[in-house]
């Protein structure tokens, strides 16, 4: 999606909305009393409606690695 092409339909009408710190757009990264959130960038294909979210790398991925369950490759 970041390259402007939808991976689902190959559409080229892709739009981006940068992450904002509004509570309704935040993704919870750490679910305890002291919660940490991140504002994802959103990419949407206007052809088929497919949506992808991307988190800012430097600030958030270490928290995900520490607190989320990894999905094993099959």
PDB file of N, CA and C in Angstrom:
ATOM      1  N   UNK A   1       0.826  -1.198   0.000  1.00  0.00           N
ATOM      2  CA  UNK A   1       0.000   0.000   0.000  1.00  0.00           C
ATOM      3  C   UNK A   1       0.864   1.255   0.000  1.00  0.00           C
ATOM      4  N   UNK A   2       1.967   1.220   0.712  1.00  0.00           N
ATOM      5  CA  UNK A   2       2.813   2.403   0.783  1.00  0.00           C
ATOM      6  C   UNK A   2       3.381   2.791  -0.576  1.00  0.00           C
ATOM      7  N   UNK A   3       3.356   1.860  -1.518  1.00  0.00           N
ATOM      8  CA  UNK A   3       3.855   2.162  -2.861  1.00  0.00           C
ATOM      9  C   UNK A   3       2.752   2.674  -3.779  1.00  0.00           C
ATOM     10  N   UNK A   4       1.531   2.851  -3.255  1.00  0.00           N
ATOM     11  CA  UNK A   4       0.424   3.378  -4.035  1.00  0.00           C
ATOM     12  C   UNK A   4      -0.353   2.334  -4.812  1.00  0.00           C
ATOM     13  N   UNK A   5      -0.057   1.043  -4.565  1.00  0.00           N
ATOM     14  CA  UNK A   5      -0.757  -0.043  -5.240  1.00  0.00           C
ATOM     15  C   UNK A   5      -1.375  -0.961  -4.191  1.00  0.00           C
ATOM     16  N   UNK A   6      -2.641  -1.260  -4.353  1.00  0.00           N
ATOM     17  CA  UNK A   6      -3.343  -2.129  -3.410  1.00  0.00           C
ATOM     18  C   UNK A   6      -2.919  -3.588  -3.614  1.00  0.00           C
ATOM     19  N   UNK A   7      -2.515  -4.285  -2.546  1.00  0.00           N
ATOM     20  CA  UNK A   7      -2.100  -5.679  -2.691  1.00  0.00           C
ATOM     21  C   UNK A   7      -3.278  -6.636  -2.921  1.00  0.00           C
ATOM     22  N   UNK A   8      -4.489  -6.192  -2.706  1.00  0.00           N
ATOM     23  CA  UNK A   8      -5.667  -7.054  -2.872  1.00  0.00           C
ATOM     24  C   UNK A   8      -6.250  -6.993  -4.278  1.00  0.00           C
ATOM     25  N   UNK A   9      -6.353  -5.773  -4.829  1.00  0.00           N
ATOM     26  CA  UNK A   9      -7.015  -5.632  -6.134  1.00  0.00           C
ATOM     27  C   UNK A   9      -6.132  -4.983  -7.195  1.00  0.00           C
ATOM     28  N   UNK A  10      -4.915  -4.599  -6.824  1.00  0.00           N
ATOM     29  CA  UNK A  10      -3.968  -3.906  -7.714  1.00  0.00           C
ATOM     30  C   UNK A  10      -4.450  -2.517  -8.112  1.00  0.00           C
ATOM     31  N   UNK A  11      -5.432  -2.015  -7.387  1.00  0.00           N
ATOM     32  CA  UNK A  11      -5.915  -0.661  -7.649  1.00  0.00           C
ATOM     33  C   UNK A  11      -4.839   0.371  -7.340  1.00  0.00           C
ATOM     34  N   UNK A  12      -4.909   1.486  -8.015  1.00  0.00           N
ATOM     35  CA  UNK A  12      -3.901   2.539  -7.854  1.00  0.00           C
ATOM     36  C   UNK A  12      -4.490   3.820  -7.262  1.00  0.00           C
ATOM     37  N   UNK A  13      -5.654   3.690  -6.663  1.00  0.00           N
ATOM     38  CA  UNK A  13      -6.268   4.835  -6.005  1.00  0.00           C
ATOM     39  C   UNK A  13      -6.153   4.634  -4.492  1.00  0.00           C
ATOM     40  N   UNK A  14      -4.930   4.788  -3.977  1.00  0.00           N
ATOM     41  CA  UNK A  14      -4.616   4.567  -2.567  1.00  0.00           C
ATOM     42  C   UNK A  14      -4.422   5.918  -1.886  1.00  0.00           C
ATOM     43  N   UNK A  15      -5.020   6.056  -0.714  1.00  0.00           N
ATOM     44  CA  UNK A  15      -4.942   7.292   0.059  1.00  0.00           C
ATOM     45  C   UNK A  15      -4.338   7.002   1.425  1.00  0.00           C
ATOM     46  N   UNK A  16      -3.664   8.008   1.980  1.00  0.00           N
ATOM     47  CA  UNK A  16      -3.013   7.861   3.283  1.00  0.00           C
ATOM     48  C   UNK A  16      -3.514   8.943   4.234  1.00  0.00           C
ATOM     49  N   UNK A  17      -3.699   8.555   5.496  1.00  0.00           N
ATOM     50  CA  UNK A  17      -4.035   9.509   6.560  1.00  0.00           C
ATOM     51  C   UNK A  17      -3.044   9.282   7.685  1.00  0.00           C
ATOM     52  N   UNK A  18      -2.233  10.292   7.970  1.00  0.00           N
ATOM     53  CA  UNK A  18      -1.217  10.164   9.015  1.00  0.00           C
ATOM     54  C   UNK A  18      -1.880   9.953  10.368  1.00  0.00           C
ATOM     55  N   UNK A  19      -1.212   9.199  11.230  1.00  0.00           N
ATOM     56  CA  UNK A  19      -1.730   8.920  12.565  1.00  0.00           C
ATOM     57  C   UNK A  19      -1.927  10.185  13.367  1.00  0.00           C
ATOM     58  N   UNK A  20      -2.993  10.200  14.141  1.00  0.00           N
ATOM     59  CA  UNK A  20      -3.253  11.339  15.023  1.00  0.00           C
ATOM     60  C   UNK A  20      -3.396  10.831  16.446  1.00  0.00           C
ATOM     61  N   UNK A  21      -3.233  11.688  17.397  1.00  0.00           N
ATOM     62  CA  UNK A  21      -3.252  11.297  18.812  1.00  0.00           C
ATOM     63  C   UNK A  21      -4.636  11.353  19.436  1.00  0.00           C
ATOM     64  N   UNK A  22      -5.696  11.400  18.614  1.00  0.00           N
ATOM     65  CA  UNK A  22      -7.050  11.342  19.161  1.00  0.00           C
ATOM     66  C   UNK A  22      -7.297   9.949  19.726  1.00  0.00           C
ATOM     67  N   UNK A  23      -7.935   9.866  20.849  1.00  0.00           N
ATOM     68  CA  UNK A  23      -8.121   8.590  21.547  1.00  0.00           C
ATOM     69  C   UNK A  23      -8.794   7.534  20.689  1.00  0.00           C
ATOM     70  N   UNK A  24      -9.743   7.905  19.870  1.00  0.00           N
ATOM     71  CA  UNK A  24     -10.474   6.919  19.071  1.00  0.00           C
ATOM     72  C   UNK A  24      -9.615   6.326  17.952  1.00  0.00           C
ATOM     73  N   UNK A  25      -8.458   6.917  17.652  1.00  0.00           N
ATOM     74  CA  UNK A  25      -7.587   6.392  16.609  1.00  0.00           C
ATOM     75  C   UNK A  25      -6.367   5.663  17.161  1.00  0.00           C
ATOM     76  N   UNK A  26      -6.206   5.659  18.466  1.00  0.00           N
ATOM     77  CA  UNK A  26      -5.032   5.041  19.078  1.00  0.00           C
ATOM     78  C   UNK A  26      -5.174   3.521  19.140  1.00  0.00           C
ATOM     79  N   UNK A  27      -4.057   2.825  19.033  1.00  0.00           N
ATOM     80  CA  UNK A  27      -4.002   1.381  19.201  1.00  0.00           C
ATOM     81  C   UNK A  27      -3.278   1.118  20.513  1.00  0.00           C
ATOM     82  N   UNK A  28      -3.903   0.327  21.394  1.00  0.00           N
ATOM     83  CA  UNK A  28      -3.284   0.008  22.672  1.00  0.00           C
ATOM     84  C   UNK A  28      -2.177  -1.010  22.463  1.00  0.00           C
ATOM     85  N   UNK A  29      -0.996  -0.680  22.939  1.00  0.00           N
ATOM     86  CA  UNK A  29       0.151  -1.567  22.772  1.00  0.00           C
ATOM     87  C   UNK A  29       0.441  -2.378  24.018  1.00  0.00           C
ATOM     88  N   UNK A  30       0.094  -1.831  25.162  1.00  0.00           N
ATOM     89  CA  UNK A  30       0.417  -2.471  26.439  1.00  0.00           C
ATOM     90  C   UNK A  30      -0.825  -2.384  27.308  1.00  0.00           C
ATOM     91  N   UNK A  31      -1.445  -3.510  27.615  1.00  0.00           N
ATOM     92  CA  UNK A  31      -2.745  -3.506  28.264  1.00  0.00           C
ATOM     93  C   UNK A  31      -2.721  -3.670  29.764  1.00  0.00           C
ATOM     94  N   UNK A  32      -1.983  -2.860  30.478  1.00  0.00           N
ATOM     95  CA  UNK A  32      -2.041  -2.921  31.943  1.00  0.00           C
ATOM     96  C   UNK A  32      -2.465  -1.553  32.472  1.00  0.00           C
ATOM     97  N   UNK A  33      -2.254  -1.301  33.749  1.00  0.00           N
ATOM     98  CA  UNK A  33      -2.689  -0.042  34.334  1.00  0.00           C
ATOM     99  C   UNK A  33      -2.035   1.169  33.683  1.00  0.00           C
ATOM    100  N   UNK A  34      -0.788   1.021  33.276  1.00  0.00           N
ATOM    101  CA  UNK A  34      -0.110   2.101  32.563  1.00  0.00           C
ATOM    102  C   UNK A  34      -0.091   1.701  31.096  1.00  0.00           C
ATOM    103  N   UNK A  35      -1.077   2.138  30.382  1.00  0.00           N
ATOM    104  CA  UNK A  35      -1.226   1.744  28.986  1.00  0.00           C
ATOM    105  C   UNK A  35      -0.411   2.657  28.088  1.00  0.00           C
ATOM    106  N   UNK A  36       0.162   2.066  27.055  1.00  0.00           N
ATOM    107  CA  UNK A  36       0.893   2.838  26.068  1.00  0.00           C
ATOM    108  C   UNK A  36       0.192   2.662  24.738  1.00  0.00           C
ATOM    109  N   UNK A  37      -0.016   3.742  24.030  1.00  0.00           N
ATOM    110  CA  UNK A  37      -0.716   3.664  22.762  1.00  0.00           C
ATOM    111  C   UNK A  37       0.112   4.228  21.633  1.00  0.00           C
ATOM    112  N   UNK A  38      -0.335   3.978  20.416  1.00  0.00           N
ATOM    113  CA  UNK A  38       0.349   4.486  19.237  1.00  0.00           C
ATOM    114  C   UNK A  38      -0.690   4.950  18.230  1.00  0.00           C
ATOM    115  N   UNK A  39      -0.310   5.944  17.463  1.00  0.00           N
ATOM    116  CA  UNK A  39      -1.198   6.486  16.438  1.00  0.00           C
ATOM    117  C   UNK A  39      -0.749   5.954  15.076  1.00  0.00           C
ATOM    118  N   UNK A  40      -1.487   5.000  14.521  1.00  0.00           N
ATOM    119  CA  UNK A  40      -1.071   4.397  13.250  1.00  0.00           C
ATOM    120  C   UNK A  40      -1.395   5.273  12.045  1.00  0.00           C
ATOM    121  N   UNK A  41      -0.551   5.152  11.017  1.00  0.00           N
ATOM    122  CA  UNK A  41      -0.875   5.729   9.713  1.00  0.00           C
ATOM    123  C   UNK A  41      -1.810   4.749   9.026  1.00  0.00           C
ATOM    124  N   UNK A  42      -2.796   5.274   8.309  1.00  0.00           N
ATOM    125  CA  UNK A  42      -3.779   4.428   7.649  1.00  0.00           C
ATOM    126  C   UNK A  42      -3.691   4.592   6.137  1.00  0.00           C
ATOM    127  N   UNK A  43      -3.720   3.471   5.415  1.00  0.00           N
ATOM    128  CA  UNK A  43      -3.712   3.464   3.958  1.00  0.00           C
ATOM    129  C   UNK A  43      -4.983   2.770   3.488  1.00  0.00           C
ATOM    130  N   UNK A  44      -5.725   3.412   2.596  1.00  0.00           N
ATOM    131  CA  UNK A  44      -7.005   2.891   2.138  1.00  0.00           C
ATOM    132  C   UNK A  44      -7.056   2.866   0.615  1.00  0.00           C
ATOM    133  N   UNK A  45      -7.485   1.740   0.075  1.00  0.00           N
ATOM    134  CA  UNK A  45      -7.710   1.615  -1.362  1.00  0.00           C
ATOM    135  C   UNK A  45      -9.133   2.074  -1.654  1.00  0.00           C
ATOM    136  N   UNK A  46      -9.276   3.111  -2.452  1.00  0.00           N
ATOM    137  CA  UNK A  46     -10.596   3.627  -2.791  1.00  0.00           C
ATOM    138  C   UNK A  46     -11.268   2.802  -3.880  1.00  0.00           C
ATOM    139  N   UNK A  47     -10.567   1.815  -4.422  1.00  0.00           N
ATOM    140  CA  UNK A  47     -11.162   0.942  -5.423  1.00  0.00           C
ATOM    141  C   UNK A  47     -11.934  -0.193  -4.757  1.00  0.00           C
ATOM    142  N   UNK A  48     -11.292  -0.877  -3.781  1.00  0.00           N
ATOM    143  CA  UNK A  48     -11.937  -2.046  -3.162  1.00  0.00           C
ATOM    144  C   UNK A  48     -12.242  -1.869  -1.673  1.00  0.00           C
ATOM    145  N   UNK A  49     -11.706  -0.829  -1.045  1.00  0.00           N
ATOM    146  CA  UNK A  49     -11.973  -0.584   0.369  1.00  0.00           C
ATOM    147  C   UNK A  49     -10.994  -1.231   1.327  1.00  0.00           C
ATOM    148  N   UNK A  50      -9.967  -1.901   0.822  1.00  0.00           N
ATOM    149  CA  UNK A  50      -8.981  -2.547   1.681  1.00  0.00           C
ATOM    150  C   UNK A  50      -8.232  -1.487   2.482  1.00  0.00           C
ATOM    151  N   UNK A  51      -7.993  -1.772   3.776  1.00  0.00           N
ATOM    152  CA  UNK A  51      -7.371  -0.809   4.688  1.00  0.00           C
ATOM    153  C   UNK A  51      -6.198  -1.454   5.400  1.00  0.00           C
ATOM    154  N   UNK A  52      -5.071  -0.749   5.470  1.00  0.00           N
ATOM    155  CA  UNK A  52      -3.904  -1.212   6.232  1.00  0.00           C
ATOM    156  C   UNK A  52      -3.495  -0.131   7.223  1.00  0.00           C
ATOM    157  N   UNK A  53      -3.002  -0.594   8.383  1.00  0.00           N
ATOM    158  CA  UNK A  53      -2.486   0.297   9.417  1.00  0.00           C
ATOM    159  C   UNK A  53      -0.995   0.040   9.569  1.00  0.00           C
ATOM    160  N   UNK A  54      -0.217   1.113   9.769  1.00  0.00           N
ATOM    161  CA  UNK A  54       1.216   0.994  10.016  1.00  0.00           C
ATOM    162  C   UNK A  54       1.575   1.826  11.237  1.00  0.00           C
ATOM    163  N   UNK A  55       2.302   1.210  12.163  1.00  0.00           N
ATOM    164  CA  UNK A  55       2.754   1.930  13.353  1.00  0.00           C
ATOM    165  C   UNK A  55       4.107   2.574  13.089  1.00  0.00           C
ATOM    166  N   UNK A  56       4.369   3.714  13.757  1.00  0.00           N
ATOM    167  CA  UNK A  56       5.702   4.303  13.658  1.00  0.00           C
ATOM    168  C   UNK A  56       6.725   3.331  14.247  1.00  0.00           C
ATOM    169  N   UNK A  57       7.755   3.034  13.540  1.00  0.00           N
ATOM    170  CA  UNK A  57       8.681   1.967  13.921  1.00  0.00           C
ATOM    171  C   UNK A  57       9.470   2.245  15.193  1.00  0.00           C
ATOM    172  N   UNK A  58      10.130   3.358  15.265  1.00  0.00           N
ATOM    173  CA  UNK A  58      11.059   3.603  16.367  1.00  0.00           C
ATOM    174  C   UNK A  58      10.380   3.618  17.734  1.00  0.00           C
ATOM    175  N   UNK A  59       9.204   4.182  17.799  1.00  0.00           N
ATOM    176  CA  UNK A  59       8.552   4.391  19.094  1.00  0.00           C
ATOM    177  C   UNK A  59       7.780   3.186  19.611  1.00  0.00           C
ATOM    178  N   UNK A  60       7.378   2.263  18.749  1.00  0.00           N
ATOM    179  CA  UNK A  60       6.382   1.298  19.171  1.00  0.00           C
ATOM    180  C   UNK A  60       6.744  -0.175  19.032  1.00  0.00           C
ATOM    181  N   UNK A  61       7.556  -0.525  18.087  1.00  0.00           N
ATOM    182  CA  UNK A  61       7.759  -1.946  17.823  1.00  0.00           C
ATOM    183  C   UNK A  61       8.418  -2.687  18.974  1.00  0.00           C
ATOM    184  N   UNK A  62       9.272  -2.028  19.749  1.00  0.00           N
ATOM    185  CA  UNK A  62       9.869  -2.713  20.899  1.00  0.00           C
ATOM    186  C   UNK A  62       8.808  -3.061  21.949  1.00  0.00           C
ATOM    187  N   UNK A  63       7.794  -2.220  22.098  1.00  0.00           N
ATOM    188  CA  UNK A  63       6.711  -2.495  23.049  1.00  0.00           C
ATOM    189  C   UNK A  63       5.890  -3.687  22.561  1.00  0.00           C
ATOM    190  N   UNK A  64       5.628  -3.756  21.272  1.00  0.00           N
ATOM    191  CA  UNK A  64       4.887  -4.885  20.709  1.00  0.00           C
ATOM    192  C   UNK A  64       5.658  -6.179  20.941  1.00  0.00           C
ATOM    193  N   UNK A  65       6.954  -6.174  20.683  1.00  0.00           N
ATOM    194  CA  UNK A  65       7.768  -7.378  20.874  1.00  0.00           C
ATOM    195  C   UNK A  65       7.762  -7.853  22.327  1.00  0.00           C
ATOM    196  N   UNK A  66       7.678  -6.927  23.267  1.00  0.00           N
ATOM    197  CA  UNK A  66       7.709  -7.272  24.685  1.00  0.00           C
ATOM    198  C   UNK A  66       6.353  -7.733  25.226  1.00  0.00           C
ATOM    199  N   UNK A  67       5.239  -7.253  24.669  1.00  0.00           N
ATOM    200  CA  UNK A  67       3.936  -7.458  25.307  1.00  0.00           C
ATOM    201  C   UNK A  67       2.904  -8.190  24.462  1.00  0.00           C
ATOM    202  N   UNK A  68       3.137  -8.395  23.192  1.00  0.00           N
ATOM    203  CA  UNK A  68       2.177  -9.092  22.346  1.00  0.00           C
ATOM    204  C   UNK A  68       2.644 -10.530  22.124  1.00  0.00           C
ATOM    205  N   UNK A  69       1.704 -11.379  21.769  1.00  0.00           N
ATOM    206  CA  UNK A  69       2.018 -12.762  21.464  1.00  0.00           C
ATOM    207  C   UNK A  69       2.389 -12.893  19.979  1.00  0.00           C
ATOM    208  N   UNK A  70       3.539 -13.490  19.728  1.00  0.00           N
ATOM    209  CA  UNK A  70       3.997 -13.657  18.358  1.00  0.00           C
ATOM    210  C   UNK A  70       3.243 -14.803  17.679  1.00  0.00           C
ATOM    211  N   UNK A  71       2.862 -14.598  16.435  1.00  0.00           N
ATOM    212  CA  UNK A  71       2.179 -15.614  15.650  1.00  0.00           C
ATOM    213  C   UNK A  71       3.241 -16.423  14.897  1.00  0.00           C
ATOM    214  N   UNK A  72       3.308 -17.739  15.142  1.00  0.00           N
ATOM    215  CA  UNK A  72       4.321 -18.546  14.474  1.00  0.00           C
ATOM    216  C   UNK A  72       4.007 -18.713  12.981  1.00  0.00           C
ATOM    217  N   UNK A  73       5.053 -18.708  12.166  1.00  0.00           N
ATOM    218  CA  UNK A  73       4.886 -18.938  10.733  1.00  0.00           C
ATOM    219  C   UNK A  73       4.584 -20.413  10.498  1.00  0.00           C
ATOM    220  N   UNK A  74       3.727 -20.689   9.555  1.00  0.00           N
ATOM    221  CA  UNK A  74       3.339 -22.073   9.261  1.00  0.00           C
ATOM    222  C   UNK A  74       3.707 -22.436   7.845  1.00  0.00           C
TER     223      UNK A  74
END
